[in-house]
Amino acid sequence: MERITISIEPELAAILDQLTEKHGYTSRSEAMRDLIRGWHSQDALRQNESSHCIAHIGYVYNHHDRTMAERIANIQHDHHDLTVSSMHVHLDHDHCLEVAFLKGPTKEVRQFANRLVAQTGVRHGSVNIVPVHLALGGEGHDHGNGAYHVHLQPAS
């Protein structure tokens, strides 16, 4: 670890301490490291520096809209190469929460996620994209059993 010193106003230090405690960080340093990682990841995504990503999409919809579930399923099937998994939760008699987990080229994942969240009837939709890089320079490997795969490592 490299030790650095920063100077901030007392008000900001108090806010940092409150947020550090509220979010369960063990120290200001860990909170700052996490903030910098998040800032860096989002900056990389904005500048399209990361060609691949992992992501999750969460959205709520009214399950009485029978076309909604079919439209969502069709969109996911259209992008089966990006969809890793999805989970469906019944919130009450009327509403469902779904979460879809994605991986693939950032541009395609973003387009798919935006298309899904923009569907008429989707409420409270949000997308979280995490940039990754392909381990081994994009080359895959196997473990001697013929199961070839590529590792996706979160960008630092």
N, C-alpha and C. Protein backbone atom coordinates (compact mmCIF):
# COMPACT_ATOMS: atom_id res chain seq x y z
N MET A 1 0.84 -1.19 0.00
CA MET A 1 0.00 0.00 0.00
C MET A 1 0.87 1.24 0.00
N GLU A 2 0.42 2.22 -0.71
CA GLU A 2 1.09 3.51 -0.69
C GLU A 2 0.30 4.44 0.24
N ARG A 3 0.99 5.13 1.10
CA ARG A 3 0.33 6.04 2.04
C ARG A 3 0.35 7.44 1.42
N ILE A 4 -0.84 8.08 1.40
CA ILE A 4 -0.95 9.45 0.91
C ILE A 4 -1.64 10.29 1.98
N THR A 5 -1.47 11.57 1.91
CA THR A 5 -2.12 12.48 2.84
C THR A 5 -3.00 13.42 2.03
N ILE A 6 -4.23 13.62 2.48
CA ILE A 6 -5.11 14.58 1.82
C ILE A 6 -5.59 15.59 2.85
N SER A 7 -5.93 16.76 2.37
CA SER A 7 -6.49 17.80 3.23
C SER A 7 -7.90 18.12 2.75
N ILE A 8 -8.85 18.06 3.68
CA ILE A 8 -10.23 18.42 3.35
C ILE A 8 -10.81 19.25 4.49
N GLU A 9 -11.86 19.99 4.16
CA GLU A 9 -12.52 20.82 5.15
C GLU A 9 -13.12 19.95 6.25
N PRO A 10 -13.23 20.49 7.47
CA PRO A 10 -13.81 19.72 8.58
C PRO A 10 -15.22 19.19 8.27
N GLU A 11 -16.01 19.96 7.53
CA GLU A 11 -17.36 19.52 7.19
C GLU A 11 -17.32 18.27 6.32
N LEU A 12 -16.41 18.25 5.33
CA LEU A 12 -16.27 17.07 4.47
C LEU A 12 -15.73 15.88 5.25
N ALA A 13 -14.82 16.12 6.19
CA ALA A 13 -14.29 15.04 7.02
C ALA A 13 -15.41 14.43 7.85
N ALA A 14 -16.30 15.27 8.38
CA ALA A 14 -17.44 14.77 9.16
C ALA A 14 -18.37 13.94 8.29
N ILE A 15 -18.61 14.41 7.06
CA ILE A 15 -19.46 13.66 6.13
C ILE A 15 -18.81 12.32 5.80
N LEU A 16 -17.49 12.34 5.54
CA LEU A 16 -16.77 11.10 5.25
C LEU A 16 -16.90 10.12 6.42
N ASP A 17 -16.73 10.61 7.63
CA ASP A 17 -16.86 9.74 8.81
C ASP A 17 -18.26 9.16 8.93
N GLN A 18 -19.28 9.99 8.70
CA GLN A 18 -20.66 9.52 8.78
C GLN A 18 -20.93 8.43 7.73
N LEU A 19 -20.50 8.70 6.49
CA LEU A 19 -20.73 7.75 5.42
C LEU A 19 -19.91 6.47 5.62
N THR A 20 -18.70 6.61 6.13
CA THR A 20 -17.86 5.45 6.41
C THR A 20 -18.55 4.53 7.40
N GLU A 21 -19.09 5.12 8.46
CA GLU A 21 -19.80 4.32 9.48
C GLU A 21 -21.11 3.77 8.91
N LYS A 22 -21.86 4.62 8.24
CA LYS A 22 -23.17 4.21 7.70
C LYS A 22 -23.05 3.03 6.75
N HIS A 23 -22.00 3.02 5.93
CA HIS A 23 -21.84 1.96 4.93
C HIS A 23 -20.99 0.80 5.42
N GLY A 24 -20.57 0.85 6.67
CA GLY A 24 -19.89 -0.29 7.28
C GLY A 24 -18.43 -0.45 6.95
N TYR A 25 -17.79 0.62 6.48
CA TYR A 25 -16.35 0.53 6.23
C TYR A 25 -15.61 0.53 7.56
N THR A 26 -14.47 -0.14 7.60
CA THR A 26 -13.69 -0.20 8.84
C THR A 26 -12.80 1.01 9.03
N SER A 27 -12.60 1.77 7.93
CA SER A 27 -11.73 2.94 8.05
C SER A 27 -12.03 3.94 6.93
N ARG A 28 -11.57 5.16 7.13
CA ARG A 28 -11.67 6.17 6.08
C ARG A 28 -10.92 5.70 4.83
N SER A 29 -9.78 5.06 5.04
CA SER A 29 -8.96 4.61 3.92
C SER A 29 -9.72 3.64 3.03
N GLU A 30 -10.42 2.67 3.65
CA GLU A 30 -11.16 1.70 2.85
C GLU A 30 -12.31 2.38 2.11
N ALA A 31 -12.96 3.32 2.74
CA ALA A 31 -14.03 4.07 2.08
C ALA A 31 -13.48 4.86 0.90
N MET A 32 -12.35 5.50 1.08
CA MET A 32 -11.74 6.28 -0.02
C MET A 32 -11.30 5.37 -1.16
N ARG A 33 -10.73 4.21 -0.84
CA ARG A 33 -10.32 3.27 -1.89
C ARG A 33 -11.53 2.85 -2.72
N ASP A 34 -12.65 2.57 -2.04
CA ASP A 34 -13.85 2.16 -2.75
C ASP A 34 -14.42 3.29 -3.60
N LEU A 35 -14.41 4.50 -3.08
CA LEU A 35 -14.86 5.66 -3.85
C LEU A 35 -14.01 5.86 -5.10
N ILE A 36 -12.71 5.73 -4.96
CA ILE A 36 -11.80 5.92 -6.10
C ILE A 36 -12.02 4.80 -7.14
N ARG A 37 -12.17 3.56 -6.67
CA ARG A 37 -12.45 2.45 -7.60
C ARG A 37 -13.73 2.72 -8.40
N GLY A 38 -14.78 3.14 -7.70
CA GLY A 38 -16.05 3.42 -8.37
C GLY A 38 -15.93 4.57 -9.35
N TRP A 39 -15.25 5.61 -8.95
CA TRP A 39 -15.04 6.78 -9.81
C TRP A 39 -14.27 6.37 -11.06
N HIS A 40 -13.21 5.58 -10.86
CA HIS A 40 -12.38 5.13 -11.97
C HIS A 40 -13.19 4.24 -12.92
N SER A 41 -13.97 3.30 -12.38
CA SER A 41 -14.78 2.41 -13.21
C SER A 41 -15.78 3.19 -14.04
N GLN A 42 -16.48 4.11 -13.42
CA GLN A 42 -17.48 4.89 -14.15
C GLN A 42 -16.82 5.78 -15.20
N ASP A 43 -15.66 6.32 -14.88
CA ASP A 43 -14.95 7.15 -15.85
C ASP A 43 -14.52 6.32 -17.06
N ALA A 44 -14.04 5.10 -16.81
CA ALA A 44 -13.64 4.21 -17.90
C ALA A 44 -14.83 3.87 -18.78
N LEU A 45 -15.98 3.65 -18.16
CA LEU A 45 -17.18 3.34 -18.94
C LEU A 45 -17.62 4.54 -19.77
N ARG A 46 -17.57 5.73 -19.19
CA ARG A 46 -17.98 6.94 -19.92
C ARG A 46 -17.08 7.16 -21.13
N GLN A 47 -15.82 6.81 -21.01
CA GLN A 47 -14.88 7.03 -22.11
C GLN A 47 -14.75 5.80 -22.99
N ASN A 48 -15.58 4.78 -22.73
CA ASN A 48 -15.57 3.54 -23.50
C ASN A 48 -14.18 2.90 -23.56
N GLU A 49 -13.43 3.02 -22.46
CA GLU A 49 -12.10 2.40 -22.43
C GLU A 49 -12.19 0.90 -22.16
N SER A 50 -13.29 0.47 -21.58
CA SER A 50 -13.45 -0.94 -21.26
C SER A 50 -14.30 -1.60 -22.34
N SER A 51 -13.74 -2.57 -23.02
CA SER A 51 -14.49 -3.22 -24.09
C SER A 51 -15.46 -4.26 -23.57
N HIS A 52 -15.23 -4.80 -22.38
CA HIS A 52 -16.10 -5.82 -21.80
C HIS A 52 -16.55 -5.41 -20.41
N CYS A 53 -17.68 -6.00 -19.99
CA CYS A 53 -18.21 -5.67 -18.67
C CYS A 53 -19.02 -6.83 -18.12
N ILE A 54 -19.32 -6.72 -16.85
CA ILE A 54 -20.35 -7.53 -16.21
C ILE A 54 -21.37 -6.52 -15.70
N ALA A 55 -22.62 -6.93 -15.56
CA ALA A 55 -23.65 -5.98 -15.16
C ALA A 55 -24.81 -6.70 -14.52
N HIS A 56 -25.59 -5.92 -13.78
CA HIS A 56 -26.89 -6.44 -13.34
C HIS A 56 -27.92 -5.35 -13.55
N ILE A 57 -29.12 -5.80 -13.92
CA ILE A 57 -30.25 -4.92 -14.16
C ILE A 57 -31.33 -5.33 -13.17
N GLY A 58 -31.88 -4.36 -12.49
CA GLY A 58 -33.01 -4.63 -11.60
C GLY A 58 -34.20 -3.80 -12.06
N TYR A 59 -35.39 -4.39 -12.04
CA TYR A 59 -36.58 -3.65 -12.45
C TYR A 59 -37.82 -4.28 -11.81
N VAL A 60 -38.82 -3.43 -11.62
CA VAL A 60 -40.09 -3.84 -11.04
C VAL A 60 -41.15 -3.64 -12.11
N TYR A 61 -42.09 -4.57 -12.18
CA TYR A 61 -43.20 -4.41 -13.12
C TYR A 61 -44.45 -5.07 -12.55
N ASN A 62 -45.61 -4.69 -13.10
CA ASN A 62 -46.89 -5.24 -12.70
C ASN A 62 -47.10 -6.54 -13.47
N HIS A 63 -47.23 -7.64 -12.75
CA HIS A 63 -47.32 -8.93 -13.43
C HIS A 63 -48.68 -9.16 -14.08
N HIS A 64 -49.68 -8.31 -13.79
CA HIS A 64 -50.98 -8.44 -14.44
C HIS A 64 -50.92 -8.03 -15.92
N ASP A 65 -49.89 -7.29 -16.28
CA ASP A 65 -49.67 -6.95 -17.69
C ASP A 65 -49.05 -8.19 -18.34
N ARG A 66 -49.89 -9.04 -18.91
CA ARG A 66 -49.43 -10.33 -19.45
C ARG A 66 -48.41 -10.18 -20.56
N THR A 67 -48.45 -9.09 -21.28
CA THR A 67 -47.48 -8.92 -22.37
C THR A 67 -46.09 -8.58 -21.84
N MET A 68 -46.05 -8.05 -20.61
CA MET A 68 -44.76 -7.61 -20.04
C MET A 68 -43.79 -8.78 -19.90
N ALA A 69 -44.22 -9.85 -19.25
CA ALA A 69 -43.34 -11.01 -19.04
C ALA A 69 -42.88 -11.59 -20.37
N GLU A 70 -43.79 -11.63 -21.34
CA GLU A 70 -43.43 -12.17 -22.65
C GLU A 70 -42.42 -11.27 -23.36
N ARG A 71 -42.63 -9.95 -23.28
CA ARG A 71 -41.68 -9.02 -23.91
C ARG A 71 -40.30 -9.14 -23.28
N ILE A 72 -40.26 -9.21 -21.95
CA ILE A 72 -38.97 -9.34 -21.25
C ILE A 72 -38.28 -10.64 -21.64
N ALA A 73 -39.02 -11.73 -21.65
CA ALA A 73 -38.44 -13.02 -22.02
C ALA A 73 -37.91 -12.99 -23.45
N ASN A 74 -38.66 -12.37 -24.35
CA ASN A 74 -38.21 -12.28 -25.75
C ASN A 74 -36.93 -11.47 -25.87
N ILE A 75 -36.85 -10.36 -25.15
CA ILE A 75 -35.64 -9.53 -25.19
C ILE A 75 -34.45 -10.33 -24.65
N GLN A 76 -34.66 -11.05 -23.54
CA GLN A 76 -33.57 -11.85 -22.98
C GLN A 76 -33.16 -12.96 -23.93
N HIS A 77 -34.11 -13.61 -24.59
CA HIS A 77 -33.77 -14.65 -25.55
C HIS A 77 -33.05 -14.08 -26.76
N ASP A 78 -33.44 -12.86 -27.18
CA ASP A 78 -32.75 -12.20 -28.29
C ASP A 78 -31.29 -11.92 -27.95
N HIS A 79 -30.99 -11.82 -26.65
CA HIS A 79 -29.63 -11.52 -26.20
C HIS A 79 -29.13 -12.63 -25.27
N HIS A 80 -29.43 -13.88 -25.61
CA HIS A 80 -29.03 -15.01 -24.77
C HIS A 80 -27.53 -15.07 -24.58
N ASP A 81 -26.78 -14.52 -25.51
CA ASP A 81 -25.32 -14.53 -25.39
C ASP A 81 -24.83 -13.57 -24.31
N LEU A 82 -25.66 -12.59 -23.92
CA LEU A 82 -25.28 -11.62 -22.90
C LEU A 82 -25.86 -11.97 -21.53
N THR A 83 -26.98 -12.67 -21.51
CA THR A 83 -27.68 -12.98 -20.26
C THR A 83 -27.06 -14.21 -19.60
N VAL A 84 -26.54 -14.01 -18.41
CA VAL A 84 -25.95 -15.11 -17.65
C VAL A 84 -27.03 -15.82 -16.85
N SER A 85 -27.86 -15.02 -16.19
CA SER A 85 -28.90 -15.58 -15.33
C SER A 85 -29.90 -14.48 -15.01
N SER A 86 -31.08 -14.89 -14.56
CA SER A 86 -32.04 -13.91 -14.06
C SER A 86 -32.78 -14.53 -12.89
N MET A 87 -33.31 -13.66 -12.04
CA MET A 87 -34.04 -14.10 -10.86
C MET A 87 -35.34 -13.30 -10.79
N HIS A 88 -36.42 -13.98 -10.47
CA HIS A 88 -37.75 -13.38 -10.42
C HIS A 88 -38.27 -13.49 -8.99
N VAL A 89 -38.73 -12.36 -8.43
CA VAL A 89 -39.24 -12.34 -7.05
C VAL A 89 -40.63 -11.72 -7.06
N HIS A 90 -41.58 -12.37 -6.39
CA HIS A 90 -42.93 -11.82 -6.25
C HIS A 90 -42.95 -10.89 -5.04
N LEU A 91 -43.20 -9.60 -5.27
CA LEU A 91 -43.19 -8.62 -4.19
C LEU A 91 -44.52 -8.58 -3.45
N ASP A 92 -45.60 -8.63 -4.19
CA ASP A 92 -46.94 -8.63 -3.60
C ASP A 92 -47.88 -9.25 -4.63
N HIS A 93 -49.19 -9.01 -4.50
CA HIS A 93 -50.16 -9.60 -5.43
C HIS A 93 -50.05 -9.03 -6.83
N ASP A 94 -49.44 -7.88 -6.97
CA ASP A 94 -49.41 -7.19 -8.25
C ASP A 94 -48.03 -7.02 -8.88
N HIS A 95 -46.99 -6.95 -8.07
CA HIS A 95 -45.68 -6.53 -8.56
C HIS A 95 -44.62 -7.62 -8.44
N CYS A 96 -43.74 -7.63 -9.43
CA CYS A 96 -42.59 -8.54 -9.45
C CYS A 96 -41.31 -7.74 -9.59
N LEU A 97 -40.26 -8.26 -9.00
CA LEU A 97 -38.91 -7.72 -9.15
C LEU A 97 -38.11 -8.75 -9.91
N GLU A 98 -37.43 -8.31 -10.95
CA GLU A 98 -36.52 -9.20 -11.65
C GLU A 98 -35.13 -8.58 -11.64
N VAL A 99 -34.15 -9.45 -11.56
CA VAL A 99 -32.76 -9.05 -11.66
C VAL A 99 -32.13 -9.94 -12.72
N ALA A 100 -31.46 -9.32 -13.68
CA ALA A 100 -30.77 -10.07 -14.73
C ALA A 100 -29.27 -9.78 -14.61
N PHE A 101 -28.48 -10.82 -14.76
CA PHE A 101 -27.03 -10.71 -14.69
C PHE A 101 -26.48 -10.88 -16.10
N LEU A 102 -25.60 -9.97 -16.49
CA LEU A 102 -25.11 -9.93 -17.86
C LEU A 102 -23.60 -9.91 -17.90
N LYS A 103 -23.05 -10.33 -19.04
CA LYS A 103 -21.62 -10.14 -19.31
C LYS A 103 -21.42 -10.12 -20.80
N GLY A 104 -20.43 -9.34 -21.23
CA GLY A 104 -20.14 -9.27 -22.65
C GLY A 104 -19.57 -7.92 -23.03
N PRO A 105 -19.58 -7.64 -24.33
CA PRO A 105 -19.07 -6.34 -24.80
C PRO A 105 -19.90 -5.20 -24.19
N THR A 106 -19.23 -4.20 -23.65
CA THR A 106 -19.88 -3.11 -22.92
C THR A 106 -20.97 -2.44 -23.75
N LYS A 107 -20.69 -2.14 -24.99
CA LYS A 107 -21.67 -1.45 -25.83
C LYS A 107 -22.94 -2.28 -25.98
N GLU A 108 -22.80 -3.57 -26.22
CA GLU A 108 -23.96 -4.45 -26.39
C GLU A 108 -24.73 -4.62 -25.09
N VAL A 109 -24.00 -4.78 -23.97
CA VAL A 109 -24.66 -4.92 -22.67
C VAL A 109 -25.44 -3.65 -22.34
N ARG A 110 -24.85 -2.49 -22.58
CA ARG A 110 -25.53 -1.22 -22.29
C ARG A 110 -26.79 -1.08 -23.15
N GLN A 111 -26.70 -1.41 -24.44
CA GLN A 111 -27.88 -1.32 -25.32
C GLN A 111 -28.98 -2.27 -24.87
N PHE A 112 -28.61 -3.49 -24.52
CA PHE A 112 -29.59 -4.47 -24.04
C PHE A 112 -30.25 -3.98 -22.75
N ALA A 113 -29.43 -3.53 -21.80
CA ALA A 113 -29.96 -3.06 -20.52
C ALA A 113 -30.89 -1.87 -20.71
N ASN A 114 -30.49 -0.92 -21.55
CA ASN A 114 -31.34 0.24 -21.80
C ASN A 114 -32.66 -0.16 -22.45
N ARG A 115 -32.59 -1.10 -23.37
CA ARG A 115 -33.81 -1.57 -24.04
C ARG A 115 -34.77 -2.22 -23.04
N LEU A 116 -34.21 -3.01 -22.13
CA LEU A 116 -35.03 -3.70 -21.14
C LEU A 116 -35.67 -2.72 -20.16
N VAL A 117 -34.88 -1.81 -19.62
CA VAL A 117 -35.38 -0.85 -18.64
C VAL A 117 -36.38 0.12 -19.26
N ALA A 118 -36.26 0.38 -20.57
CA ALA A 118 -37.13 1.34 -21.24
C ALA A 118 -38.48 0.74 -21.64
N GLN A 119 -38.68 -0.55 -21.41
CA GLN A 119 -39.95 -1.17 -21.77
C GLN A 119 -41.12 -0.51 -21.04
N THR A 120 -42.20 -0.28 -21.76
CA THR A 120 -43.41 0.26 -21.15
C THR A 120 -43.86 -0.71 -20.06
N GLY A 121 -44.08 -0.19 -18.88
CA GLY A 121 -44.50 -1.03 -17.76
C GLY A 121 -43.39 -1.34 -16.77
N VAL A 122 -42.14 -1.12 -17.17
CA VAL A 122 -41.02 -1.32 -16.23
C VAL A 122 -40.94 -0.09 -15.33
N ARG A 123 -40.91 -0.34 -14.04
CA ARG A 123 -40.79 0.74 -13.07
C ARG A 123 -39.55 0.50 -12.22
N HIS A 124 -38.95 1.55 -11.76
CA HIS A 124 -37.79 1.45 -10.87
C HIS A 124 -36.65 0.65 -11.49
N GLY A 125 -36.42 0.81 -12.78
CA GLY A 125 -35.34 0.10 -13.44
C GLY A 125 -34.00 0.76 -13.21
N SER A 126 -32.98 -0.05 -12.95
CA SER A 126 -31.63 0.49 -12.81
C SER A 126 -30.62 -0.52 -13.32
N VAL A 127 -29.50 0.01 -13.77
CA VAL A 127 -28.44 -0.80 -14.35
C VAL A 127 -27.14 -0.47 -13.64
N ASN A 128 -26.36 -1.48 -13.31
CA ASN A 128 -25.03 -1.28 -12.74
C ASN A 128 -24.04 -2.02 -13.62
N ILE A 129 -23.15 -1.28 -14.25
CA ILE A 129 -22.16 -1.86 -15.17
C ILE A 129 -20.78 -1.77 -14.54
N VAL A 130 -20.07 -2.88 -14.53
CA VAL A 130 -18.71 -2.94 -13.98
C VAL A 130 -17.75 -3.30 -15.10
N PRO A 131 -16.81 -2.42 -15.42
CA PRO A 131 -15.85 -2.74 -16.48
C PRO A 131 -14.93 -3.88 -16.06
N VAL A 132 -14.60 -4.72 -17.02
CA VAL A 132 -13.68 -5.84 -16.77
C VAL A 132 -12.69 -5.90 -17.92
N HIS A 133 -11.62 -6.62 -17.69
CA HIS A 133 -10.72 -6.92 -18.79
C HIS A 133 -10.57 -8.43 -18.85
N LEU A 134 -10.30 -8.90 -20.04
CA LEU A 134 -10.15 -10.33 -20.24
C LEU A 134 -8.77 -10.75 -19.75
N ALA A 135 -8.75 -11.71 -18.85
CA ALA A 135 -7.47 -12.19 -18.33
C ALA A 135 -6.68 -12.83 -19.46
N LEU A 136 -5.40 -12.83 -19.32
CA LEU A 136 -4.48 -13.43 -20.29
C LEU A 136 -4.58 -12.75 -21.65
N GLY A 137 -4.84 -11.45 -21.65
CA GLY A 137 -4.88 -10.71 -22.89
C GLY A 137 -6.00 -11.16 -23.82
N GLY A 138 -7.07 -11.70 -23.25
CA GLY A 138 -8.20 -12.14 -24.06
C GLY A 138 -8.11 -13.58 -24.48
N GLU A 139 -7.00 -14.22 -24.15
CA GLU A 139 -6.86 -15.63 -24.50
C GLU A 139 -7.45 -16.47 -23.39
N GLY A 140 -8.11 -17.53 -23.75
CA GLY A 140 -8.67 -18.43 -22.77
C GLY A 140 -7.70 -19.54 -22.44
N HIS A 141 -8.15 -20.43 -21.59
CA HIS A 141 -7.34 -21.58 -21.23
C HIS A 141 -8.25 -22.68 -20.69
N ASP A 142 -7.68 -23.85 -20.55
CA ASP A 142 -8.42 -24.90 -19.86
C ASP A 142 -7.56 -25.38 -18.70
N HIS A 143 -8.15 -26.20 -17.86
CA HIS A 143 -7.44 -26.71 -16.70
C HIS A 143 -7.06 -28.18 -16.91
N GLY A 144 -6.80 -28.51 -18.17
CA GLY A 144 -6.41 -29.87 -18.48
C GLY A 144 -7.60 -30.80 -18.69
N ASN A 145 -8.80 -30.27 -18.57
CA ASN A 145 -9.99 -31.12 -18.73
C ASN A 145 -10.78 -30.76 -19.99
N GLY A 146 -10.21 -29.89 -20.83
CA GLY A 146 -10.88 -29.50 -22.06
C GLY A 146 -11.95 -28.45 -21.90
N ALA A 147 -12.15 -27.95 -20.69
CA ALA A 147 -13.17 -26.92 -20.44
C ALA A 147 -12.54 -25.55 -20.64
N TYR A 148 -12.54 -25.08 -21.87
CA TYR A 148 -11.93 -23.82 -22.24
C TYR A 148 -12.78 -22.66 -21.73
N HIS A 149 -12.13 -21.65 -21.15
CA HIS A 149 -12.84 -20.46 -20.68
C HIS A 149 -11.90 -19.28 -20.55
N VAL A 150 -12.51 -18.09 -20.49
CA VAL A 150 -11.78 -16.84 -20.33
C VAL A 150 -12.22 -16.22 -19.00
N HIS A 151 -11.28 -15.69 -18.25
CA HIS A 151 -11.62 -15.03 -17.00
C HIS A 151 -11.88 -13.55 -17.25
N LEU A 152 -12.91 -13.03 -16.59
CA LEU A 152 -13.21 -11.58 -16.63
C LEU A 152 -12.80 -11.02 -15.28
N GLN A 153 -11.81 -10.14 -15.28
CA GLN A 153 -11.34 -9.56 -14.04
C GLN A 153 -11.80 -8.11 -13.94
N PRO A 154 -12.40 -7.73 -12.80
CA PRO A 154 -12.83 -6.33 -12.64
C PRO A 154 -11.67 -5.39 -12.87
N ALA A 155 -11.94 -4.32 -13.61
CA ALA A 155 -10.89 -3.32 -13.84
C ALA A 155 -10.53 -2.68 -12.51
N SER A 156 -9.26 -2.39 -12.34
CA SER A 156 -8.82 -1.81 -11.06
C SER A 156 -9.11 -0.35 -10.98
